[in-house]
Protein backbone atom coordinates (compact mmCIF):
# COMPACT_ATOMS: atom_id res chain seq x y z
CA MET A 1 149.22 74.23 39.36
CA ARG A 2 150.05 77.53 41.03
CA ALA A 3 147.38 79.29 38.96
CA GLU A 4 144.79 76.76 40.06
CA TYR A 5 145.85 77.24 43.70
CA ILE A 6 145.52 80.99 43.41
CA LYS A 7 142.10 80.64 41.73
CA CYS A 8 140.92 78.29 44.48
CA SER A 9 142.21 80.61 47.21
CA ARG A 10 140.39 83.55 45.68
CA LEU A 11 137.19 81.53 45.47
CA VAL A 12 137.45 80.50 49.12
CA GLY A 13 138.20 84.10 50.09
CA THR A 14 135.19 85.36 48.15
CA VAL A 15 132.88 82.83 49.78
CA PHE A 16 134.22 83.69 53.25
CA LEU A 17 133.83 87.42 52.59
CA SER A 18 130.26 86.92 51.39
CA LEU A 19 129.39 84.92 54.50
CA TRP A 20 131.03 87.52 56.75
CA LEU A 21 129.24 90.43 55.09
CA GLY A 22 125.98 88.51 55.26
CA ALA A 23 126.40 88.07 58.99
CA CYS A 24 127.23 91.75 59.45
CA VAL A 25 124.15 92.99 57.61
CA GLN A 26 121.85 90.36 59.05
CA GLY A 27 118.79 91.99 60.50
CA PRO A 28 117.49 91.58 64.04
CA ARG A 29 116.32 88.09 64.98
CA ASP A 30 113.22 87.77 67.14
CA VAL A 31 113.81 85.84 70.35
CA TYR A 32 110.37 86.33 71.90
CA VAL A 33 107.10 87.95 70.84
CA GLY A 34 104.22 87.98 73.28
CA LYS A 35 101.61 90.04 75.07
CA GLY A 36 101.78 91.85 78.40
CA LEU A 37 99.15 93.72 80.37
CA PHE A 38 99.43 96.81 78.20
CA GLY A 39 100.39 95.51 74.76
CA ASP A 40 103.17 93.74 72.92
CA ILE A 41 106.45 92.55 74.40
CA ILE A 42 109.15 91.99 71.79
CA VAL A 43 112.68 90.71 72.38
CA TYR A 44 115.24 90.49 69.58
CA ASP A 45 118.99 90.02 69.07
CA ASN A 46 121.27 91.67 66.56
CA ALA A 47 124.50 90.49 64.95
CA GLN A 48 126.63 92.54 67.37
CA GLY A 49 125.51 90.52 70.40
CA PHE A 50 122.97 92.95 71.84
CA ARG A 51 119.52 91.97 73.04
CA THR A 52 116.70 94.53 72.94
CA LEU A 53 113.28 94.82 74.56
CA GLU A 54 110.49 96.82 72.90
CA PHE A 55 106.85 97.31 73.88
CA GLU A 56 105.78 97.90 70.29
CA ARG A 57 107.39 96.91 67.00
CA GLY A 58 109.70 99.66 65.82
CA GLY A 59 109.01 101.75 68.93
CA GLY A 60 111.43 102.99 71.54
CA ARG A 61 114.03 100.54 72.80
CA GLN A 62 113.02 99.97 76.41
CA SER A 63 116.13 97.98 77.35
CA VAL A 64 119.32 96.90 75.62
CA VAL A 65 121.82 94.47 77.14
CA LYS A 66 125.12 93.04 75.99
CA LEU A 67 124.68 89.35 76.54
CA GLY A 68 126.92 88.00 79.30
CA ASP A 69 128.07 91.44 80.48
CA PRO A 70 126.01 92.82 83.42
CA ALA A 71 128.30 95.86 83.75
CA HIS A 72 127.55 97.12 80.24
CA LEU A 73 125.18 100.08 80.03
CA GLU A 74 124.23 100.59 76.39
CA HIS A 75 121.69 103.38 76.73
CA GLU A 76 123.26 106.75 77.36
CA TYR A 77 120.60 107.69 79.91
CA THR A 78 121.41 104.64 82.08
CA ARG A 79 125.01 105.81 82.33
CA ILE A 80 123.85 109.33 83.20
CA ALA A 81 121.46 107.92 85.82
CA MET A 82 124.43 106.45 87.69
CA ILE A 83 125.61 110.00 88.41
CA GLY A 84 122.93 109.88 91.10
CA LEU A 85 125.27 107.64 93.09
CA ALA A 86 127.47 110.71 93.58
CA LEU A 87 124.61 112.61 95.23
CA ALA A 88 123.76 110.07 97.93
CA ARG A 89 125.45 107.94 100.56
CA HIS A 90 128.09 105.86 98.83
CA PRO A 91 128.02 102.94 98.67
CA PRO A 92 124.22 102.90 98.98
CA GLU A 93 122.53 100.56 101.45
CA ARG A 94 119.03 100.47 99.97
CA ILE A 95 117.94 101.20 96.40
CA LEU A 96 114.50 101.26 94.80
CA VAL A 97 113.91 100.99 91.04
CA VAL A 98 110.40 101.66 89.71
CA GLY A 99 110.00 100.08 86.28
CA LEU A 100 111.87 96.91 85.36
CA GLY A 101 112.00 96.62 81.59
CA GLY A 102 114.81 94.17 80.85
CA GLY A 103 116.33 94.78 84.28
CA VAL A 104 119.41 96.63 83.00
CA MET A 105 119.87 99.02 85.93
CA PRO A 106 119.01 96.50 88.68
CA ARG A 107 121.51 94.02 87.16
CA PHE A 108 124.21 96.69 87.02
CA LEU A 109 123.59 97.88 90.58
CA HIS A 110 123.48 94.30 91.86
CA HIS A 111 126.84 93.67 90.17
CA ALA A 112 128.46 96.95 91.24
CA TYR A 113 127.28 97.02 94.87
CA PRO A 114 127.26 93.50 96.31
CA ASP A 115 126.31 94.74 99.80
CA SER A 116 123.32 96.83 98.72
CA ARG A 117 119.68 95.76 98.99
CA ILE A 118 117.67 96.47 95.86
CA ASP A 119 113.89 96.56 95.49
CA VAL A 120 112.34 96.67 92.02
CA VAL A 121 108.66 97.33 91.33
CA GLU A 122 107.09 96.24 88.03
CA ILE A 123 103.37 96.30 87.34
CA ASP A 124 103.39 93.68 84.57
CA PRO A 125 104.24 90.09 85.60
CA SER A 126 104.93 89.23 81.95
CA VAL A 127 107.75 91.79 81.87
CA LEU A 128 109.31 90.17 84.93
CA GLN A 129 109.13 86.75 83.28
CA VAL A 130 110.80 88.10 80.14
CA ALA A 131 113.54 89.84 82.16
CA GLU A 132 114.33 86.61 83.99
CA ARG A 133 114.19 84.33 80.97
CA TYR A 134 115.81 86.48 78.30
CA PHE A 135 117.82 89.22 80.05
CA GLY A 136 119.61 87.36 82.83
CA LEU A 137 117.81 88.94 85.77
CA ARG A 138 118.35 86.77 88.85
CA PRO A 139 116.41 87.88 91.95
CA ASP A 140 118.01 86.74 95.20
CA ALA A 141 118.31 87.71 98.86
CA ARG A 142 119.66 91.14 97.86
CA LEU A 143 117.49 91.78 94.80
CA HIS A 144 113.73 91.60 95.24
CA VAL A 145 111.20 92.21 92.46
CA HIS A 146 107.71 93.21 93.57
CA VAL A 147 104.87 92.83 91.05
CA GLY A 148 102.47 95.72 91.49
CA ASP A 149 101.91 99.40 90.92
CA GLY A 150 104.96 101.54 91.69
CA ARG A 151 102.97 104.35 93.25
CA ALA A 152 101.09 102.05 95.61
CA PHE A 153 104.38 100.43 96.65
CA ILE A 154 105.98 103.79 97.42
CA GLU A 155 102.97 105.06 99.33
CA ARG A 156 103.22 101.99 101.58
CA ALA A 157 106.97 102.34 102.13
CA LYS A 158 108.30 103.41 105.50
CA PRO A 159 109.58 106.99 105.61
CA ALA A 160 113.26 107.47 104.82
CA SER A 161 113.64 103.89 103.55
CA TYR A 162 115.93 104.42 100.56
CA ASP A 163 119.24 106.07 99.66
CA LEU A 164 118.40 106.13 95.95
CA ILE A 165 115.12 105.85 94.07
CA PHE A 166 115.20 105.39 90.30
CA LEU A 167 111.97 106.26 88.46
CA ASP A 168 112.12 104.57 85.06
CA ALA A 169 108.55 103.43 84.39
CA PHE A 170 107.32 103.96 80.85
CA GLY A 171 104.08 102.67 79.37
CA GLY A 172 105.18 102.30 75.75
CA THR A 173 106.49 105.82 75.16
CA VAL A 174 105.32 107.95 78.10
CA VAL A 175 105.46 108.01 81.88
CA PRO A 176 102.05 106.92 83.26
CA SER A 177 100.12 109.99 84.42
CA HIS A 178 99.84 108.93 88.05
CA LEU A 179 103.64 108.62 88.23
CA ALA A 180 104.19 112.22 87.15
CA THR A 181 102.20 114.31 89.63
CA VAL A 182 103.48 116.41 92.50
CA GLU A 183 101.50 114.25 94.94
CA PHE A 184 103.30 111.14 93.71
CA LEU A 185 106.69 112.84 93.91
CA GLY A 186 105.82 113.92 97.44
CA ALA A 187 105.35 110.26 98.37
CA VAL A 188 108.65 109.45 96.69
CA ARG A 189 110.38 112.18 98.67
CA ALA A 190 108.92 110.81 101.90
CA ALA A 191 110.39 107.35 101.15
CA LEU A 192 113.83 108.88 100.61
CA ARG A 193 116.52 109.52 103.21
CA SER A 194 117.38 113.16 103.79
CA ASP A 195 120.81 112.57 102.22
CA GLY A 196 119.40 110.58 99.29
CA VAL A 197 118.44 111.33 95.69
CA VAL A 198 115.58 110.53 93.32
CA VAL A 199 116.67 109.85 89.72
CA SER A 200 113.92 110.29 87.10
CA ASN A 201 114.24 109.34 83.44
CA LEU A 202 112.17 111.64 81.21
CA TRP A 203 111.89 112.02 77.47
CA GLY A 204 112.96 115.42 76.18
CA PRO A 205 110.91 118.25 74.71
CA ASN A 206 111.08 117.07 71.08
CA VAL A 207 109.08 113.90 71.84
CA ASN A 208 107.38 114.66 75.17
CA PRO A 209 104.60 117.27 75.18
CA ARG A 210 104.57 117.21 79.01
CA TYR A 211 108.33 117.80 79.34
CA HIS A 212 108.20 121.36 80.72
CA ASP A 213 105.30 120.49 83.02
CA MET A 214 107.20 117.48 84.35
CA LEU A 215 110.30 119.58 85.07
CA SER A 216 108.24 122.24 86.87
CA THR A 217 106.52 119.50 88.89
CA GLN A 218 109.90 118.07 89.88
CA ARG A 219 111.01 121.54 90.94
CA ALA A 220 107.90 121.92 93.13
CA ALA A 221 108.49 118.54 94.80
CA PHE A 222 112.19 118.84 95.70
CA GLU A 223 114.35 121.44 97.36
CA ALA A 224 117.03 121.19 94.66
CA LEU A 225 117.34 119.72 91.17
CA GLN A 226 120.22 118.66 88.98
CA ILE A 227 119.43 117.95 85.30
CA VAL A 228 121.61 116.18 82.73
CA TYR A 229 120.42 115.38 79.21
CA ALA A 230 121.68 112.64 76.89
CA PRO A 231 123.43 114.45 74.00
CA HIS A 232 122.93 111.53 71.59
CA ASP A 233 119.41 110.47 72.60
CA VAL A 234 116.05 111.89 73.64
CA ASN A 235 116.38 111.28 77.38
CA VAL A 236 116.70 113.87 80.14
CA VAL A 237 117.65 112.65 83.63
CA VAL A 238 116.48 114.66 86.64
CA PHE A 239 118.09 114.30 90.07
CA GLY A 240 115.78 115.44 92.86
CA LEU A 241 117.32 116.30 96.24
CA PRO A 242 115.20 116.56 99.43
CA ARG A 243 117.53 119.24 100.80
CA VAL A 244 118.85 122.65 99.85
CA GLU A 245 122.20 122.08 98.19
CA SER A 246 123.87 124.39 95.68
CA ILE A 247 125.82 122.31 93.18
CA THR A 248 127.38 123.76 90.04
CA ARG A 249 128.16 121.88 86.84
CA ALA A 250 131.82 121.70 87.90
CA ASP A 251 130.89 120.45 91.38
CA LEU A 252 128.71 117.66 90.00
CA ALA A 253 131.32 116.65 87.43
CA ALA A 254 133.98 116.41 90.14
CA GLN A 255 131.69 114.36 92.40
CA ALA A 256 130.81 112.01 89.52
CA ARG A 257 134.49 111.45 88.73
CA ARG A 258 135.13 110.34 92.30
CA LEU A 259 132.84 107.35 91.79
CA GLY A 260 134.63 104.07 91.22
CA PRO A 261 136.00 101.61 90.59
CA VAL A 262 136.85 102.24 86.95
CA SER A 263 136.22 98.58 86.16
CA VAL A 264 132.52 99.11 86.95
CA PHE A 265 132.00 102.65 85.67
CA ARG A 266 133.50 102.37 82.20
CA ASP A 267 132.54 105.87 81.13
CA ASP A 268 133.81 109.21 82.36
CA LEU A 269 130.73 110.22 84.32
CA GLY A 270 132.18 113.68 84.83
CA ALA A 271 132.33 114.16 81.08
CA LEU A 272 128.66 113.22 80.81
CA VAL A 273 127.88 116.01 83.30
CA GLU A 274 130.00 118.52 81.40
CA GLN A 275 128.31 117.66 78.10
CA GLY A 276 124.70 117.51 79.24
CA TRP A 277 124.22 119.63 82.39
CA LEU A 278 121.26 122.03 82.36
CA ASP A 279 120.61 124.89 84.75
CA ALA A 280 117.43 123.87 86.59
CA ASP A 281 116.74 127.49 87.58
CA ARG A 282 116.32 128.27 83.89
CA VAL A 283 114.74 125.19 82.34
CA ALA A 284 112.38 124.01 85.11
CA VAL A 285 110.22 127.13 85.24
CA HIS A 286 108.21 127.06 82.00
CA GLY A 287 105.50 124.50 82.76
CA LYS A 288 102.56 123.94 85.02
CA ILE A 289 102.59 121.67 88.06
CA LEU A 290 100.97 118.32 87.33
CA ARG A 291 98.49 117.25 90.02
CA ASP A 292 96.27 114.29 90.76
CA PRO A 293 92.67 114.60 89.51
CA ALA A 294 90.37 116.26 92.03
CA GLY A 295 88.67 113.76 94.32
CA LYS A 296 91.11 110.98 93.48
CA ALA A 297 90.09 108.06 95.69
CA SER A 298 93.13 105.82 95.35
CA ALA A 299 96.61 106.87 94.30
CA GLY A 300 97.54 103.30 93.53
CA VAL A 301 95.23 102.89 90.53
CA ARG A 302 97.00 103.00 87.17
CA SER A 303 95.86 105.94 85.10
CA PRO A 304 95.30 105.65 81.33
CA LEU A 305 98.35 106.68 79.31
């Protein structure tokens, strides 16, 4: 009898182990596949409880959320981007995010700063619908999403409107050309308070042929730059300041560590500075300044990627 019990227990254990391993190795499950203005929109879940947005199958992950946890920032660059909060009035009163994706950063900021007003600009209405339906984005009196071109929105903004401006608009794998020129960054700077900061997400030199040009353009548009790269990813985050301000790696790390509360910022932001800080005076001098095409009639027209 005991032998039969042991045999049965082993069989049950084997079946349970097989089911568990099957769940662990289960591939991504599509939640939504559709078309937007500029191509595919793909949403899928994995077995670890993460939901991902892509604009082409197997391409770069535009957004990743942990379902039910608005304070989770999966992408390393999104955590680095929050260092910008240390370079502006804190807590911020008004924030602008250009490029919605799955709404990861707007959701986080909305959760972390309940008294802040957040504007988001997204050119593709289908992306907004996906963010609301599948990523838990909930616009309200404090969080407004504007469907339209980010450059046109910024050019219409009142001067000195925002404490922080996040530039995170990617068309598939690259920043649209009209969102990378010195003229555009000049309009961004005009919409920023004098004590504010512009946070730009770029792809690094290994995957971005315009990387050095984009850094040099940022340097031409702002009085001071801070640059932090993602050690485990391809992203480089640039912090543009509309004022002369000398900040060392140690200074920025200390300022980032003063951000709180810990329950919202789960990572050591100072450590991210120490790992990824780059000297702008050395790295932002090797490219050409990107400019609008001569005779450009309207800055608000989306350029081909």
